[in-house]
Amino acid sequence: RMAMENATDNAEEIIDKLVLQYNQSRQAAITQEISEIVAGADAL
């Protein structure tokens, strides 16, 4: 039983880290797009 609890805790921790990593990557892509849009608007 203890091993399963540890495995579950570890899996949840890994999922949390992956979600954070995904959100950071997504935010970086969104920021990049916004920068490109602003740069394009400035060029007009």
PDB file of N, CA and C in Angstrom:
ATOM      1  N   ARG A   1       0.834  -1.208   0.000  1.00  0.00           N
ATOM      2  CA  ARG A   1       0.000   0.000   0.000  1.00  0.00           C
ATOM      3  C   ARG A   1       0.869   1.258   0.000  1.00  0.00           C
ATOM      4  N   MET A   2       1.910   1.252   0.797  1.00  0.00           N
ATOM      5  CA  MET A   2       2.793   2.420   0.880  1.00  0.00           C
ATOM      6  C   MET A   2       3.471   2.692  -0.465  1.00  0.00           C
ATOM      7  N   ALA A   3       3.857   1.624  -1.151  1.00  0.00           N
ATOM      8  CA  ALA A   3       4.524   1.785  -2.451  1.00  0.00           C
ATOM      9  C   ALA A   3       3.583   2.441  -3.458  1.00  0.00           C
ATOM     10  N   MET A   4       2.327   2.045  -3.429  1.00  0.00           N
ATOM     11  CA  MET A   4       1.355   2.630  -4.358  1.00  0.00           C
ATOM     12  C   MET A   4       1.122   4.112  -4.050  1.00  0.00           C
ATOM     13  N   GLU A   5       1.088   4.447  -2.761  1.00  0.00           N
ATOM     14  CA  GLU A   5       0.922   5.853  -2.380  1.00  0.00           C
ATOM     15  C   GLU A   5       2.108   6.679  -2.861  1.00  0.00           C
ATOM     16  N   ASN A   6       3.305   6.135  -2.688  1.00  0.00           N
ATOM     17  CA  ASN A   6       4.502   6.838  -3.153  1.00  0.00           C
ATOM     18  C   ASN A   6       4.486   6.995  -4.667  1.00  0.00           C
ATOM     19  N   ALA A   7       4.076   5.946  -5.365  1.00  0.00           N
ATOM     20  CA  ALA A   7       4.006   6.006  -6.830  1.00  0.00           C
ATOM     21  C   ALA A   7       2.992   7.054  -7.271  1.00  0.00           C
ATOM     22  N   THR A   8       1.857   7.097  -6.589  1.00  0.00           N
ATOM     23  CA  THR A   8       0.822   8.085  -6.912  1.00  0.00           C
ATOM     24  C   THR A   8       1.325   9.499  -6.656  1.00  0.00           C
ATOM     25  N   ASP A   9       1.976   9.695  -5.515  1.00  0.00           N
ATOM     26  CA  ASP A   9       2.529  11.015  -5.189  1.00  0.00           C
ATOM     27  C   ASP A   9       3.560  11.438  -6.230  1.00  0.00           C
ATOM     28  N   ASN A  10       4.426  10.508  -6.614  1.00  0.00           N
ATOM     29  CA  ASN A  10       5.453  10.814  -7.612  1.00  0.00           C
ATOM     30  C   ASN A  10       4.827  11.151  -8.956  1.00  0.00           C
ATOM     31  N   ALA A  11       3.807  10.392  -9.339  1.00  0.00           N
ATOM     32  CA  ALA A  11       3.127  10.650 -10.613  1.00  0.00           C
ATOM     33  C   ALA A  11       2.473  12.028 -10.598  1.00  0.00           C
ATOM     34  N   GLU A  12       1.833  12.370  -9.489  1.00  0.00           N
ATOM     35  CA  GLU A  12       1.185  13.682  -9.383  1.00  0.00           C
ATOM     36  C   GLU A  12       2.215  14.804  -9.456  1.00  0.00           C
ATOM     37  N   GLU A  13       3.368  14.585  -8.828  1.00  0.00           N
ATOM     38  CA  GLU A  13       4.432  15.589  -8.855  1.00  0.00           C
ATOM     39  C   GLU A  13       4.964  15.777 -10.282  1.00  0.00           C
ATOM     40  N   ILE A  14       5.132  14.669 -10.989  1.00  0.00           N
ATOM     41  CA  ILE A  14       5.607  14.734 -12.378  1.00  0.00           C
ATOM     42  C   ILE A  14       4.581  15.456 -13.251  1.00  0.00           C
ATOM     43  N   ILE A  15       3.307  15.137 -13.058  1.00  0.00           N
ATOM     44  CA  ILE A  15       2.248  15.799 -13.830  1.00  0.00           C
ATOM     45  C   ILE A  15       2.253  17.300 -13.563  1.00  0.00           C
ATOM     46  N   ASP A  16       2.375  17.686 -12.294  1.00  0.00           N
ATOM     47  CA  ASP A  16       2.412  19.111 -11.948  1.00  0.00           C
ATOM     48  C   ASP A  16       3.571  19.814 -12.649  1.00  0.00           C
ATOM     49  N   LYS A  17       4.743  19.169 -12.655  1.00  0.00           N
ATOM     50  CA  LYS A  17       5.910  19.771 -13.305  1.00  0.00           C
ATOM     51  C   LYS A  17       5.709  19.886 -14.812  1.00  0.00           C
ATOM     52  N   LEU A  18       5.104  18.848 -15.411  1.00  0.00           N
ATOM     53  CA  LEU A  18       4.862  18.880 -16.855  1.00  0.00           C
ATOM     54  C   LEU A  18       3.846  19.957 -17.226  1.00  0.00           C
ATOM     55  N   VAL A  19       2.804  20.102 -16.411  1.00  0.00           N
ATOM     56  CA  VAL A  19       1.798  21.142 -16.658  1.00  0.00           C
ATOM     57  C   VAL A  19       2.449  22.516 -16.571  1.00  0.00           C
ATOM     58  N   LEU A  20       3.298  22.720 -15.570  1.00  0.00           N
ATOM     59  CA  LEU A  20       3.998  23.992 -15.419  1.00  0.00           C
ATOM     60  C   LEU A  20       4.892  24.257 -16.629  1.00  0.00           C
ATOM     61  N   GLN A  21       5.620  23.220 -17.058  1.00  0.00           N
ATOM     62  CA  GLN A  21       6.514  23.355 -18.211  1.00  0.00           C
ATOM     63  C   GLN A  21       5.710  23.682 -19.476  1.00  0.00           C
ATOM     64  N   TYR A  22       4.574  22.999 -19.656  1.00  0.00           N
ATOM     65  CA  TYR A  22       3.709  23.250 -20.810  1.00  0.00           C
ATOM     66  C   TYR A  22       3.197  24.693 -20.792  1.00  0.00           C
ATOM     67  N   ASN A  23       2.730  25.144 -19.632  1.00  0.00           N
ATOM     68  CA  ASN A  23       2.195  26.504 -19.523  1.00  0.00           C
ATOM     69  C   ASN A  23       3.271  27.554 -19.784  1.00  0.00           C
ATOM     70  N   GLN A  24       4.491  27.297 -19.300  1.00  0.00           N
ATOM     71  CA  GLN A  24       5.584  28.245 -19.539  1.00  0.00           C
ATOM     72  C   GLN A  24       5.920  28.315 -21.025  1.00  0.00           C
ATOM     73  N   SER A  25       5.946  27.170 -21.694  1.00  0.00           N
ATOM     74  CA  SER A  25       6.228  27.141 -23.132  1.00  0.00           C
ATOM     75  C   SER A  25       5.125  27.856 -23.908  1.00  0.00           C
ATOM     76  N   ARG A  26       3.893  27.603 -23.511  1.00  0.00           N
ATOM     77  CA  ARG A  26       2.744  28.229 -24.168  1.00  0.00           C
ATOM     78  C   ARG A  26       2.784  29.745 -23.979  1.00  0.00           C
ATOM     79  N   GLN A  27       3.097  30.178 -22.762  1.00  0.00           N
ATOM     80  CA  GLN A  27       3.180  31.609 -22.476  1.00  0.00           C
ATOM     81  C   GLN A  27       4.292  32.259 -23.290  1.00  0.00           C
ATOM     82  N   ALA A  28       5.423  31.564 -23.436  1.00  0.00           N
ATOM     83  CA  ALA A  28       6.529  32.100 -24.230  1.00  0.00           C
ATOM     84  C   ALA A  28       6.107  32.265 -25.691  1.00  0.00           C
ATOM     85  N   ALA A  29       5.370  31.294 -26.216  1.00  0.00           N
ATOM     86  CA  ALA A  29       4.905  31.373 -27.603  1.00  0.00           C
ATOM     87  C   ALA A  29       3.919  32.525 -27.774  1.00  0.00           C
ATOM     88  N   ILE A  30       3.020  32.704 -26.818  1.00  0.00           N
ATOM     89  CA  ILE A  30       2.039  33.792 -26.877  1.00  0.00           C
ATOM     90  C   ILE A  30       2.750  35.142 -26.814  1.00  0.00           C
ATOM     91  N   THR A  31       3.720  35.260 -25.915  1.00  0.00           N
ATOM     92  CA  THR A  31       4.487  36.500 -25.787  1.00  0.00           C
ATOM     93  C   THR A  31       5.218  36.816 -27.087  1.00  0.00           C
ATOM     94  N   GLN A  32       5.784  35.786 -27.709  1.00  0.00           N
ATOM     95  CA  GLN A  32       6.479  35.958 -28.990  1.00  0.00           C
ATOM     96  C   GLN A  32       5.513  36.469 -30.057  1.00  0.00           C
ATOM     97  N   GLU A  33       4.329  35.869 -30.125  1.00  0.00           N
ATOM     98  CA  GLU A  33       3.338  36.299 -31.115  1.00  0.00           C
ATOM     99  C   GLU A  33       2.922  37.748 -30.883  1.00  0.00           C
ATOM    100  N   ILE A  34       2.683  38.111 -29.633  1.00  0.00           N
ATOM    101  CA  ILE A  34       2.292  39.488 -29.310  1.00  0.00           C
ATOM    102  C   ILE A  34       3.394  40.457 -29.726  1.00  0.00           C
ATOM    103  N   SER A  35       4.641  40.085 -29.446  1.00  0.00           N
ATOM    104  CA  SER A  35       5.776  40.937 -29.835  1.00  0.00           C
ATOM    105  C   SER A  35       5.814  41.141 -31.344  1.00  0.00           C
ATOM    106  N   GLU A  36       5.566  40.061 -32.091  1.00  0.00           N
ATOM    107  CA  GLU A  36       5.576  40.161 -33.554  1.00  0.00           C
ATOM    108  C   GLU A  36       4.432  41.035 -34.057  1.00  0.00           C
ATOM    109  N   ILE A  37       3.266  40.907 -33.438  1.00  0.00           N
ATOM    110  CA  ILE A  37       2.112  41.727 -33.833  1.00  0.00           C
ATOM    111  C   ILE A  37       2.399  43.203 -33.565  1.00  0.00           C
ATOM    112  N   VAL A  38       2.942  43.493 -32.382  1.00  0.00           N
ATOM    113  CA  VAL A  38       3.264  44.877 -32.023  1.00  0.00           C
ATOM    114  C   VAL A  38       4.327  45.432 -32.968  1.00  0.00           C
ATOM    115  N   ALA A  39       5.338  44.634 -33.275  1.00  0.00           N
ATOM    116  CA  ALA A  39       6.390  45.074 -34.195  1.00  0.00           C
ATOM    117  C   ALA A  39       5.805  45.344 -35.576  1.00  0.00           C
ATOM    118  N   GLY A  40       4.874  44.505 -36.007  1.00  0.00           N
ATOM    119  CA  GLY A  40       4.221  44.709 -37.303  1.00  0.00           C
ATOM    120  C   GLY A  40       3.385  45.971 -37.306  1.00  0.00           C
ATOM    121  N   ALA A  41       2.693  46.250 -36.214  1.00  0.00           N
ATOM    122  CA  ALA A  41       1.875  47.459 -36.123  1.00  0.00           C
ATOM    123  C   ALA A  41       2.764  48.698 -36.125  1.00  0.00           C
ATOM    124  N   ASP A  42       3.911  48.610 -35.475  1.00  0.00           N
ATOM    125  CA  ASP A  42       4.849  49.739 -35.443  1.00  0.00           C
ATOM    126  C   ASP A  42       5.402  50.034 -36.831  1.00  0.00           C
ATOM    127  N   ALA A  43       5.495  49.008 -37.664  1.00  0.00           N
ATOM    128  CA  ALA A  43       6.063  49.179 -39.003  1.00  0.00           C
ATOM    129  C   ALA A  43       5.096  49.906 -39.937  1.00  0.00           C
ATOM    130  N   LEU A  44       3.828  49.950 -39.571  1.00  0.00           N
ATOM    131  CA  LEU A  44       2.828  50.593 -40.452  1.00  0.00           C
ATOM    132  C   LEU A  44       2.907  52.113 -40.383  1.00  0.00           C
TER     133      LEU A  44
END
